[in-house]
C-alpha atoms as a PDB file:
ATOM      1  CA  MET A   1     -31.153 129.442   3.015  1.00  0.00           C
ATOM      2  CA  ILE A   2     -31.565 132.970   1.598  1.00  0.00           C
ATOM      3  CA  SER A   3     -31.352 131.954  -2.068  1.00  0.00           C
ATOM      4  CA  LYS A   4     -34.517 129.860  -1.941  1.00  0.00           C
ATOM      5  CA  PRO A   5     -36.598 130.537  -5.098  1.00  0.00           C
ATOM      6  CA  PRO A   6     -40.014 132.199  -4.879  1.00  0.00           C
ATOM      7  CA  GLY A   7     -42.442 129.790  -3.281  1.00  0.00           C
ATOM      8  CA  TRP A   8     -45.817 128.734  -4.568  1.00  0.00           C
ATOM      9  CA  PRO A   9     -47.683 131.282  -2.412  1.00  0.00           C
ATOM     10  CA  LEU A  10     -45.965 134.176  -4.231  1.00  0.00           C
ATOM     11  CA  ILE A  11     -46.405 132.579  -7.651  1.00  0.00           C
ATOM     12  CA  THR A  12     -50.046 131.832  -6.776  1.00  0.00           C
ATOM     13  CA  ALA A  13     -50.565 135.474  -5.761  1.00  0.00           C
ATOM     14  CA  PHE A  14     -49.152 136.616  -9.115  1.00  0.00           C
ATOM     15  CA  SER A  15     -51.427 134.142 -10.908  1.00  0.00           C
ATOM     16  CA  LEU A  16     -54.545 135.293  -9.047  1.00  0.00           C
ATOM     17  CA  ALA A  17     -53.732 138.955  -9.694  1.00  0.00           C
ATOM     18  CA  ALA A  18     -53.302 138.107 -13.389  1.00  0.00           C
ATOM     19  CA  LEU A  19     -56.627 136.226 -13.474  1.00  0.00           C
ATOM     20  CA  VAL A  20     -58.441 139.270 -12.058  1.00  0.00           C
ATOM     21  CA  CYS A  21     -56.832 141.405 -14.786  1.00  0.00           C
ATOM     22  CA  LEU A  22     -57.836 138.911 -17.471  1.00  0.00           C
ATOM     23  CA  TRP A  23     -61.425 138.748 -16.181  1.00  0.00           C
ATOM     24  CA  TRP A  24     -61.792 142.527 -16.184  1.00  0.00           C
ATOM     25  CA  ALA A  25     -60.210 142.700 -19.646  1.00  0.00           C
ATOM     26  CA  SER A  26     -62.905 140.347 -20.941  1.00  0.00           C
ATOM     27  CA  GLY A  27     -65.624 142.975 -20.475  1.00  0.00           C
ATOM     28  CA  PRO A  28     -67.073 145.095 -23.275  1.00  0.00           C
ATOM     29  CA  SER A  29     -64.628 147.907 -22.470  1.00  0.00           C
ATOM     30  CA  LEU A  30     -61.426 148.149 -20.462  1.00  0.00           C
ATOM     31  CA  TYR A  31     -62.249 149.222 -16.936  1.00  0.00           C
ATOM     32  CA  VAL A  32     -60.257 151.817 -15.011  1.00  0.00           C
ATOM     33  CA  GLU A  33     -60.243 149.336 -12.133  1.00  0.00           C
ATOM     34  CA  LEU A  34     -58.167 146.971 -14.267  1.00  0.00           C
ATOM     35  CA  PHE A  35     -55.336 149.470 -14.497  1.00  0.00           C
ATOM     36  CA  LEU A  36     -55.575 150.461 -10.823  1.00  0.00           C
ATOM     37  CA  TRP A  37     -55.525 146.807  -9.770  1.00  0.00           C
ATOM     38  CA  ALA A  38     -52.612 145.969 -12.054  1.00  0.00           C
ATOM     39  CA  PHE A  39     -50.616 148.938 -10.775  1.00  0.00           C
ATOM     40  CA  ILE A  40     -51.301 148.426  -7.049  1.00  0.00           C
ATOM     41  CA  ALA A  41     -51.386 144.612  -6.822  1.00  0.00           C
ATOM     42  CA  GLY A  42     -48.613 144.178  -9.372  1.00  0.00           C
ATOM     43  CA  GLY A  43     -46.478 146.819  -7.705  1.00  0.00           C
ATOM     44  CA  LEU A  44     -46.807 145.213  -4.277  1.00  0.00           C
ATOM     45  CA  LEU A  45     -46.112 141.721  -5.598  1.00  0.00           C
ATOM     46  CA  TYR A  46     -43.062 142.867  -7.542  1.00  0.00           C
ATOM     47  CA  LEU A  47     -41.808 144.698  -4.457  1.00  0.00           C
ATOM     48  CA  LEU A  48     -42.015 141.402  -2.558  1.00  0.00           C
ATOM     49  CA  TRP A  49     -40.261 139.627  -5.417  1.00  0.00           C
ATOM     50  CA  ILE A  50     -37.442 142.219  -5.443  1.00  0.00           C
ATOM     51  CA  MET A  51     -37.097 141.945  -1.656  1.00  0.00           C
ATOM     52  CA  ARG A  52     -36.434 138.227  -2.139  1.00  0.00           C
ATOM     53  CA  ALA A  53     -34.410 138.383  -5.352  1.00  0.00           C
ATOM     54  CA  ILE A  54     -31.752 140.917  -4.363  1.00  0.00           C
ATOM     55  CA  PRO A  55     -30.628 139.154  -1.147  1.00  0.00           C
ATOM     56  CA  ALA A  56     -30.736 135.810  -2.987  1.00  0.00           C
ATOM     57  CA  LEU A  57     -28.543 137.125  -5.807  1.00  0.00           C
ATOM     58  CA  ILE A  58     -26.096 138.616  -3.317  1.00  0.00           C
ATOM     59  CA  ALA A  59     -25.947 135.414  -1.260  1.00  0.00           C
ATOM     60  CA  ASP A  60     -25.651 132.834  -4.025  1.00  0.00           C
ATOM     61  CA  VAL A  61     -25.952 133.606  -7.745  1.00  0.00           C
ATOM     62  CA  ASN A  62     -25.486 129.939  -8.675  1.00  0.00           C
ATOM     63  CA  ALA A  63     -28.469 128.856  -6.580  1.00  0.00           C
ATOM     64  CA  VAL A  64     -30.619 131.495  -8.265  1.00  0.00           C
ATOM     65  CA  SER A  65     -29.519 130.405 -11.738  1.00  0.00           C
ATOM     66  CA  ALA A  66     -30.231 126.765 -10.841  1.00  0.00           C
ATOM     67  CA  HIS A  67     -33.885 127.722 -10.267  1.00  0.00           C
ATOM     68  CA  LEU A  68     -34.089 130.415 -12.937  1.00  0.00           C
ATOM     69  CA  LEU A  69     -37.498 129.377 -14.268  1.00  0.00           C
ATOM     70  CA  ARG A  70     -39.113 129.741 -10.836  1.00  0.00           C
ATOM     71  CA  TRP A  71     -37.371 133.088 -10.325  1.00  0.00           C
ATOM     72  CA  LEU A  72     -38.651 134.321 -13.686  1.00  0.00           C
ATOM     73  CA  MET A  73     -42.182 132.907 -13.324  1.00  0.00           C
ATOM     74  CA  PRO A  74     -43.717 136.214 -12.054  1.00  0.00           C
ATOM     75  CA  TRP A  75     -42.288 138.001 -15.102  1.00  0.00           C
ATOM     76  CA  ILE A  76     -43.605 135.277 -17.406  1.00  0.00           C
ATOM     77  CA  ILE A  77     -47.069 135.550 -15.832  1.00  0.00           C
ATOM     78  CA  ALA A  78     -47.106 139.349 -16.147  1.00  0.00           C
ATOM     79  CA  GLY A  79     -45.775 139.305 -19.707  1.00  0.00           C
ATOM     80  CA  SER A  80     -48.319 136.696 -20.807  1.00  0.00           C
ATOM     81  CA  THR A  81     -51.125 138.690 -19.192  1.00  0.00           C
ATOM     82  CA  VAL A  82     -50.100 141.936 -20.902  1.00  0.00           C
ATOM     83  CA  ALA A  83     -49.761 140.146 -24.267  1.00  0.00           C
ATOM     84  CA  ALA A  84     -53.204 138.535 -23.919  1.00  0.00           C
ATOM     85  CA  ILE A  85     -54.864 141.830 -22.958  1.00  0.00           C
ATOM     86  CA  THR A  86     -53.094 143.694 -25.765  1.00  0.00           C
ATOM     87  CA  ALA A  87     -54.334 141.107 -28.290  1.00  0.00           C
ATOM     88  CA  ASP A  88     -57.873 141.315 -26.767  1.00  0.00           C
ATOM     89  CA  VAL A  89     -57.866 137.548 -26.174  1.00  0.00           C
ATOM     90  CA  PRO A  90     -59.857 137.618 -22.876  1.00  0.00           C
ATOM     91  CA  PHE A  91     -62.706 139.572 -24.491  1.00  0.00           C
ATOM     92  CA  LEU A  92     -62.776 137.459 -27.649  1.00  0.00           C
ATOM     93  CA  VAL A  93     -62.881 134.190 -25.684  1.00  0.00           C
ATOM     94  CA  ARG A  94     -65.606 135.340 -23.269  1.00  0.00           C
ATOM     95  CA  PHE A  95     -67.709 136.921 -26.022  1.00  0.00           C
ATOM     96  CA  THR A  96     -67.406 133.848 -28.246  1.00  0.00           C
ATOM     97  CA  LEU A  97     -68.436 131.528 -25.407  1.00  0.00           C
ATOM     98  CA  SER A  98     -71.421 133.802 -24.642  1.00  0.00           C
ATOM     99  CA  HIS A  99     -72.410 134.656 -28.218  1.00  0.00           C
ATOM    100  CA  SER A 100     -75.446 132.367 -28.560  1.00  0.00           C
ATOM    101  CA  ALA A 101     -76.852 133.314 -25.138  1.00  0.00           C
ATOM    102  CA  LEU A 102     -76.314 137.009 -25.879  1.00  0.00           C
ATOM    103  CA  THR A 103     -78.063 136.667 -29.240  1.00  0.00           C
ATOM    104  CA  ASP A 104     -81.043 134.869 -27.657  1.00  0.00           C
ATOM    105  CA  HIS A 105     -81.288 137.563 -24.976  1.00  0.00           C
ATOM    106  CA  ALA A 106     -81.017 140.382 -27.529  1.00  0.00           C
ATOM    107  CA  GLN A 107     -83.742 138.871 -29.711  1.00  0.00           C
ATOM    108  CA  THR A 108     -86.024 138.463 -26.678  1.00  0.00           C
ATOM    109  CA  VAL A 109     -85.458 142.082 -25.600  1.00  0.00           C
ATOM    110  CA  ALA A 110     -85.969 143.379 -29.157  1.00  0.00           C
ATOM    111  CA  ARG A 111     -89.241 141.434 -29.505  1.00  0.00           C
ATOM    112  CA  SER A 112     -90.529 142.677 -26.150  1.00  0.00           C
ATOM    113  CA  GLY A 113     -89.943 146.319 -27.066  1.00  0.00           C
ATOM    114  CA  THR A 114     -89.540 147.246 -23.402  1.00  0.00           C
ATOM    115  CA  TYR A 115     -87.012 148.258 -20.768  1.00  0.00           C
ATOM    116  CA  SER A 116     -85.943 145.925 -17.953  1.00  0.00           C
ATOM    117  CA  HIS A 117     -83.874 146.363 -14.779  1.00  0.00           C
ATOM    118  CA  GLU A 118     -83.803 142.635 -14.059  1.00  0.00           C
ATOM    119  CA  CYS A 119     -80.300 141.298 -13.374  1.00  0.00           C
ATOM    120  CA  ARG A 120     -79.406 137.928 -14.858  1.00  0.00           C
ATOM    121  CA  LEU A 121     -76.447 135.998 -16.154  1.00  0.00           C
ATOM    122  CA  VAL A 122     -76.458 135.933 -19.957  1.00  0.00           C
ATOM    123  CA  GLY A 123     -73.722 133.599 -21.097  1.00  0.00           C
ATOM    124  CA  LEU A 124     -70.710 134.664 -19.035  1.00  0.00           C
ATOM    125  CA  TYR A 125     -71.886 138.270 -18.645  1.00  0.00           C
ATOM    126  CA  PRO A 126     -73.987 139.638 -15.767  1.00  0.00           C
ATOM    127  CA  VAL A 127     -76.597 141.858 -17.435  1.00  0.00           C
ATOM    128  CA  CYS A 128     -78.525 144.280 -15.199  1.00  0.00           C
ATOM    129  CA  TRP A 129     -80.608 146.312 -17.604  1.00  0.00           C
ATOM    130  CA  SER A 130     -81.836 145.789 -21.104  1.00  0.00           C
ATOM    131  CA  GLU A 131     -83.773 147.915 -23.563  1.00  0.00           C
ATOM    132  CA  ALA A 132     -85.159 147.578 -27.038  1.00  0.00           C
ATOM    133  CA  THR A 133     -83.648 150.031 -29.521  1.00  0.00           C
ATOM    134  CA  PRO A 134     -85.101 151.557 -32.683  1.00  0.00           C
ATOM    135  CA  GLY A 135     -84.830 149.350 -35.750  1.00  0.00           C
ATOM    136  CA  GLY A 136     -85.526 146.078 -33.904  1.00  0.00           C
ATOM    137  CA  GLY A 137     -82.325 145.919 -31.892  1.00  0.00           C
ATOM    138  CA  ALA A 138     -81.384 145.715 -28.230  1.00  0.00           C
ATOM    139  CA  ARG A 139     -78.903 147.290 -25.862  1.00  0.00           C
ATOM    140  CA  PHE A 140     -77.873 146.030 -22.434  1.00  0.00           C
ATOM    141  CA  SER A 141     -75.332 146.749 -19.747  1.00  0.00           C
ATOM    142  CA  VAL A 142     -72.715 144.449 -18.292  1.00  0.00           C
ATOM    143  CA  ASP A 143     -72.006 144.774 -14.569  1.00  0.00           C
ATOM    144  CA  ASP A 144     -68.926 142.703 -13.862  1.00  0.00           C
ATOM    145  CA  TRP A 145     -67.615 141.535 -10.519  1.00  0.00           C
ATOM    146  CA  LEU A 146     -66.529 144.525  -8.389  1.00  0.00           C
ATOM    147  CA  VAL A 147     -67.216 146.869 -11.308  1.00  0.00           C
ATOM    148  CA  ARG A 148     -70.402 148.811 -11.957  1.00  0.00           C
ATOM    149  CA  THR A 149     -70.021 150.579 -15.231  1.00  0.00           C
ATOM    150  CA  SER A 150     -71.824 152.160 -18.126  1.00  0.00           C
ATOM    151  CA  ALA A 151     -70.794 149.655 -20.746  1.00  0.00           C
ATOM    152  CA  GLY A 152     -72.341 146.740 -22.542  1.00  0.00           C
ATOM    153  CA  PHE A 153     -73.486 145.479 -25.899  1.00  0.00           C
ATOM    154  CA  VAL A 154     -75.674 146.708 -28.723  1.00  0.00           C
ATOM    155  CA  TRP A 155     -77.267 144.190 -31.055  1.00  0.00           C
ATOM    156  CA  SER A 156     -78.598 145.912 -34.155  1.00  0.00           C
ATOM    157  CA  PRO A 157     -79.376 143.755 -37.188  1.00  0.00           C
ATOM    158  CA  ALA A 158     -80.712 146.857 -39.001  1.00  0.00           C
ATOM    159  CA  GLY A 159     -77.568 148.861 -38.211  1.00  0.00           C
ATOM    160  CA  GLN A 160     -79.421 151.603 -36.316  1.00  0.00           C
ATOM    161  CA  MET A 161     -77.451 152.633 -33.218  1.00  0.00           C
ATOM    162  CA  PRO A 162     -78.640 154.358 -30.041  1.00  0.00           C
ATOM    163  CA  GLU A 163     -77.579 157.990 -29.854  1.00  0.00           C
ATOM    164  CA  ASP A 164     -78.345 159.025 -26.296  1.00  0.00           C
ATOM    165  CA  ASP A 165     -75.594 158.503 -23.683  1.00  0.00           C
ATOM    166  CA  VAL A 166     -73.308 156.318 -25.777  1.00  0.00           C
ATOM    167  CA  GLU A 167     -69.823 157.808 -25.983  1.00  0.00           C
ATOM    168  CA  ARG A 168     -68.190 154.989 -27.892  1.00  0.00           C
ATOM    169  CA  LEU A 169     -69.383 152.189 -30.163  1.00  0.00           C
ATOM    170  CA  ASP A 170     -66.917 149.527 -31.281  1.00  0.00           C
ATOM    171  CA  PRO A 171     -67.963 146.913 -33.848  1.00  0.00           C
ATOM    172  CA  ILE A 172     -67.376 143.327 -32.726  1.00  0.00           C
ATOM    173  CA  VAL A 173     -68.846 140.953 -35.282  1.00  0.00           C
ATOM    174  CA  GLY A 174     -71.965 141.071 -37.439  1.00  0.00           C
ATOM    175  CA  PRO A 175     -74.715 143.105 -35.751  1.00  0.00           C
ATOM    176  CA  TRP A 176     -72.799 143.245 -32.445  1.00  0.00           C
ATOM    177  CA  HIS A 177     -71.148 146.356 -31.011  1.00  0.00           C
ATOM    178  CA  ALA A 178     -69.595 147.105 -27.644  1.00  0.00           C
ATOM    179  CA  TRP A 179     -70.717 150.421 -26.193  1.00  0.00           C
ATOM    180  CA  SER A 180     -69.492 152.540 -23.350  1.00  0.00           C
ATOM    181  CA  GLY A 181     -70.788 155.729 -21.817  1.00  0.00           C
ATOM    182  CA  TRP A 182     -70.086 158.038 -18.937  1.00  0.00           C
ATOM    183  CA  ASP A 183     -69.414 156.153 -15.681  1.00  0.00           C
ATOM    184  CA  GLU A 184     -70.702 159.012 -13.520  1.00  0.00           C
ATOM    185  CA  TRP A 185     -67.590 159.150 -11.384  1.00  0.00           C
END
């Protein structure tokens, strides 16, 4: 039957593509890869959806309307993902869940007064270099899955910010700031 609604494999593919977008949106800055992934993966999935929807609508509009929720599920997933990213929900949730671990790590780095290239998981963030900053603070990078970037966090209880290769500093909460620099593309 041509008018069969989108199956679970297609809806699962939309869900997995959305989860990748949400994960990348939870980093300290929005990655270019997020937009490339959303455009390519989303475009291909919607092309598949259209290739199923048009023949189904032509063959039997009533069958499509009987399963309207399943036919609209990819649009609901995409709309919810865009709304969550626009409201910065993925970042706020991941940062909040990692806040205490990030604070402990920042205090340790600030006390040490040194620079480290050791990679470790701090809360939900993979951190691959850390450095003490003037004024008793710390700065570290976040290297997310499939993304190596010049972005991370600055913890500065004294309010003194690094001035070297930081292009952008965005306040988060209290002494916390998200930083981003040149990705060296």
